[in-house]
Protein backbone atom coordinates (compact mmCIF):
# COMPACT_ATOMS: atom_id res chain seq x y z
CA UNK A 1 159.54 77.23 -115.42
CA UNK A 2 157.89 74.30 -117.15
CA UNK A 3 157.17 71.06 -115.38
CA UNK A 4 155.07 68.23 -116.72
CA UNK A 5 153.00 70.51 -118.91
CA UNK A 6 152.34 72.95 -116.08
CA UNK A 7 153.98 76.32 -115.69
CA UNK A 8 155.51 77.09 -112.32
CA UNK A 9 156.31 80.77 -111.93
CA UNK A 10 158.91 81.82 -109.37
CA UNK A 11 159.13 85.46 -110.49
CA UNK A 12 156.38 88.03 -110.12
CA UNK A 13 157.59 91.31 -111.59
CA UNK A 14 154.12 92.84 -112.04
CA UNK A 15 154.07 94.96 -108.91
CA UNK A 16 154.30 98.63 -107.92
CA UNK A 17 157.56 98.40 -105.95
CA UNK A 18 160.66 100.15 -107.24
CA UNK A 19 162.66 98.25 -109.83
CA UNK A 20 166.38 99.00 -110.11
CA UNK A 21 168.45 99.32 -113.32
CA UNK A 22 170.79 96.65 -114.61
CA UNK A 23 174.28 97.66 -113.47
CA UNK A 24 176.17 94.66 -114.84
CA UNK A 25 175.72 94.96 -118.60
CA UNK A 26 179.40 95.69 -119.16
CA UNK A 27 180.90 94.33 -115.94
CA UNK A 28 184.21 92.48 -116.05
CA UNK A 29 184.52 90.00 -113.20
CA UNK A 30 187.96 90.04 -111.63
CA UNK A 31 187.52 89.19 -107.95
CA UNK A 32 185.26 87.46 -105.44
CA UNK A 33 182.50 89.52 -103.83
CA UNK A 34 182.41 91.93 -106.73
CA UNK A 35 179.02 90.61 -107.84
CA UNK A 36 176.46 88.40 -106.14
CA UNK A 37 173.59 86.94 -108.16
CA UNK A 38 170.34 85.81 -106.57
CA UNK A 39 167.50 83.62 -107.77
CA UNK A 40 164.71 81.33 -106.60
CA UNK A 41 164.06 77.87 -108.03
CA UNK A 42 161.56 75.20 -107.07
CA UNK A 43 162.16 71.78 -105.52
CA UNK A 44 159.44 69.17 -106.04
CA UNK A 45 158.11 67.11 -103.11
CA UNK A 46 155.11 64.81 -102.68
CA UNK A 47 153.76 67.30 -100.15
CA UNK A 48 153.99 70.14 -102.69
CA UNK A 49 156.56 72.56 -104.07
CA UNK A 50 159.42 73.87 -101.97
CA UNK A 51 161.48 76.88 -102.99
CA UNK A 52 165.25 77.25 -102.94
CA UNK A 53 166.43 80.84 -102.47
CA UNK A 54 170.07 81.21 -103.56
CA UNK A 55 172.79 83.87 -103.43
CA UNK A 56 175.90 83.01 -105.47
CA UNK A 57 179.20 84.80 -106.01
CA UNK A 58 179.49 85.35 -109.77
CA UNK A 59 183.31 85.25 -109.87
CA UNK A 60 184.01 82.20 -107.72
CA UNK A 61 180.63 80.47 -108.31
CA UNK A 62 180.48 79.84 -104.56
CA UNK A 63 176.97 79.57 -103.16
CA UNK A 64 177.16 82.11 -100.37
CA UNK A 65 173.70 81.74 -98.90
CA UNK A 66 170.54 79.70 -99.34
CA UNK A 67 167.18 78.97 -97.78
CA UNK A 68 164.88 76.08 -98.64
CA UNK A 69 161.30 76.47 -97.48
CA UNK A 70 157.68 76.09 -98.56
CA UNK A 71 157.20 79.73 -99.60
CA UNK A 72 158.58 82.52 -101.75
CA UNK A 73 158.15 85.28 -99.18
CA UNK A 74 160.67 88.10 -98.87
CA UNK A 75 161.45 86.99 -95.32
CA UNK A 76 162.72 83.67 -96.69
CA UNK A 77 164.73 85.33 -99.46
CA UNK A 78 166.23 87.59 -96.80
CA UNK A 79 167.42 84.55 -94.82
CA UNK A 80 169.52 83.46 -97.80
CA UNK A 81 170.99 86.97 -98.07
CA UNK A 82 171.79 87.16 -94.37
CA UNK A 83 173.57 83.81 -94.52
CA UNK A 84 175.59 85.12 -97.48
CA UNK A 85 176.45 88.28 -95.55
CA UNK A 86 177.65 86.21 -92.59
CA UNK A 87 180.11 84.42 -94.90
CA UNK A 88 181.42 87.55 -96.61
CA UNK A 89 185.22 87.72 -96.54
CA UNK A 90 185.98 91.02 -98.30
CA UNK A 91 183.74 93.50 -96.51
CA UNK A 92 185.75 96.54 -97.56
CA UNK A 93 185.33 95.81 -101.29
CA UNK A 94 182.48 97.21 -103.37
CA UNK A 95 179.73 94.65 -103.99
CA UNK A 96 176.78 94.57 -106.40
CA UNK A 97 173.73 92.37 -105.80
CA UNK A 98 171.96 91.34 -109.02
CA UNK A 99 168.58 89.62 -109.32
CA UNK A 100 165.40 89.54 -111.34
CA UNK A 101 162.67 92.06 -110.60
CA UNK A 102 160.62 89.71 -108.45
CA UNK A 103 158.55 90.99 -105.57
CA UNK A 104 160.93 89.52 -102.99
CA UNK A 105 164.00 91.33 -104.33
CA UNK A 106 162.15 94.64 -104.71
CA UNK A 107 160.64 94.50 -101.23
CA UNK A 108 161.63 97.18 -98.73
CA UNK A 109 162.68 94.43 -96.33
CA UNK A 110 165.24 93.09 -98.81
CA UNK A 111 166.48 96.33 -100.36
CA UNK A 112 166.90 97.95 -96.95
CA UNK A 113 169.21 95.10 -95.91
CA UNK A 114 171.30 95.59 -99.05
CA UNK A 115 171.53 99.34 -98.50
CA UNK A 116 172.39 98.94 -94.81
CA UNK A 117 175.33 96.77 -95.86
CA UNK A 118 176.52 99.20 -98.54
CA UNK A 119 175.64 96.87 -101.41
CA UNK A 120 174.59 98.29 -104.79
CA UNK A 121 171.32 96.97 -106.22
CA UNK A 122 171.05 95.73 -109.80
CA UNK A 123 168.15 93.98 -111.54
CA UNK A 124 167.33 92.43 -114.89
CA UNK A 125 165.38 94.58 -117.33
CA UNK A 126 164.13 92.46 -120.23
CA UNK A 127 163.37 89.02 -118.80
CA UNK A 128 166.28 87.54 -120.78
CA UNK A 129 167.86 84.60 -118.87
CA UNK A 130 171.29 85.81 -120.01
CA UNK A 131 170.75 88.85 -117.79
CA UNK A 132 171.18 86.52 -114.81
CA UNK A 133 173.16 83.76 -116.51
CA UNK A 134 175.31 82.60 -113.58
CA UNK A 135 172.32 82.22 -111.27
CA UNK A 136 170.43 80.23 -113.91
CA UNK A 137 173.42 77.99 -114.54
CA UNK A 138 173.95 77.24 -110.84
CA UNK A 139 170.28 76.28 -110.59
CA UNK A 140 170.84 73.87 -113.48
CA UNK A 141 173.95 72.31 -111.94
CA UNK A 142 172.19 71.65 -108.63
CA UNK A 143 169.26 70.03 -110.41
CA UNK A 144 171.05 68.15 -113.18
CA UNK A 145 174.21 67.04 -111.38
CA UNK A 146 173.08 66.81 -107.77
CA UNK A 147 169.61 65.37 -108.20
CA UNK A 148 167.59 68.31 -106.95
CA UNK A 149 165.25 67.86 -109.92
CA UNK A 150 163.94 64.63 -108.32
CA UNK A 151 160.68 64.50 -106.41
CA UNK A 152 161.30 64.15 -102.67
CA UNK A 153 159.12 62.58 -100.01
CA UNK A 154 158.83 65.80 -98.05
CA UNK A 155 160.56 69.10 -97.42
CA UNK A 156 162.75 67.65 -94.67
CA UNK A 157 164.26 65.15 -97.10
CA UNK A 158 164.69 67.94 -99.64
CA UNK A 159 166.44 70.12 -97.06
CA UNK A 160 168.85 67.34 -96.14
CA UNK A 161 169.88 66.64 -99.73
CA UNK A 162 170.05 70.33 -100.59
CA UNK A 163 172.42 70.98 -97.69
CA UNK A 164 174.62 68.04 -98.70
CA UNK A 165 174.57 69.07 -102.37
CA UNK A 166 175.57 72.68 -101.72
CA UNK A 167 178.40 71.58 -99.43
CA UNK A 168 179.75 69.19 -102.08
CA UNK A 169 179.23 71.77 -104.83
CA UNK A 170 181.20 74.44 -102.97
CA UNK A 171 183.99 72.15 -101.79
CA UNK A 172 184.45 69.61 -104.60
CA UNK A 173 182.83 70.69 -107.88
CA UNK A 174 185.45 72.26 -110.20
CA UNK A 175 184.45 74.81 -112.85
CA UNK A 176 185.96 75.24 -116.29
CA UNK A 177 185.65 79.00 -116.08
CA UNK A 178 187.61 78.96 -112.81
CA UNK A 179 190.57 77.01 -114.25
CA UNK A 180 189.14 73.85 -112.65
CA UNK A 181 189.19 75.23 -109.13
CA UNK A 182 186.29 74.56 -106.80
CA UNK A 183 184.14 77.53 -105.74
CA UNK A 184 185.71 77.58 -102.27
CA UNK A 185 189.22 77.59 -103.74
CA UNK A 186 188.36 80.27 -106.27
CA UNK A 187 186.85 82.46 -103.57
CA UNK A 188 190.12 82.66 -101.65
CA UNK A 189 192.04 84.48 -104.39
CA UNK A 190 191.67 87.18 -107.05
CA UNK A 191 194.54 86.44 -109.43
CA UNK A 192 192.89 83.94 -111.77
CA UNK A 193 191.17 85.36 -114.83
CA UNK A 194 187.80 83.83 -115.61
CA UNK A 195 187.74 81.81 -118.81
CA UNK A 196 184.86 82.39 -121.21
CA UNK A 197 183.91 79.81 -123.83
CA UNK A 198 180.67 81.17 -125.29
CA UNK A 199 180.55 84.05 -127.71
CA UNK A 200 177.11 85.16 -126.65
CA UNK A 201 175.44 88.06 -124.96
CA UNK A 202 176.74 88.52 -121.40
CA UNK A 203 179.71 86.24 -122.22
CA UNK A 204 181.80 88.32 -119.78
CA UNK A 205 180.06 86.45 -116.97
CA UNK A 206 181.64 83.24 -118.28
CA UNK A 207 180.55 79.64 -118.24
CA UNK A 208 180.51 77.69 -115.02
């Protein structure tokens, strides 16, 4: 990620841990909790960078879990996942978790939690942002529309606004691809077909 001429890296895929194949290349999204996408983005504060760990449902665009903290450790990423798991509504349905190949997502701590909950593991393969398009787009919405690209006084202020922003996003922000339903509304049903507007690679994931 570029910021003011500097490069801020939130993904370290140069490690020896097992990397999983991309299982979603030809997926067709038709219900909530079919696919969760995860990512980490930075939040700027005067005290230094904070990191927002996110887990989002790809069909409904609902942010299922998040953690904002001062580190990118697997324990923090796991907190976002555990919050998502606590909000899961369709536990009997098959679920895929998709992420980049960062150290946090490949860690035994994280993958063990996915396996213990019967969740299939999928990861990007080529570093193409379209391989995790929904996660990247949600990051952009939070920053561009909800002001999370601003520089905050400290992490406590960032946490407060992040919590407010995610609540408003889930409850009030309609999505074109979801027939103008909010993420929370979309997550309560499986009858609406996602609308896709871009004729690009991974277009089956649809715009948000």
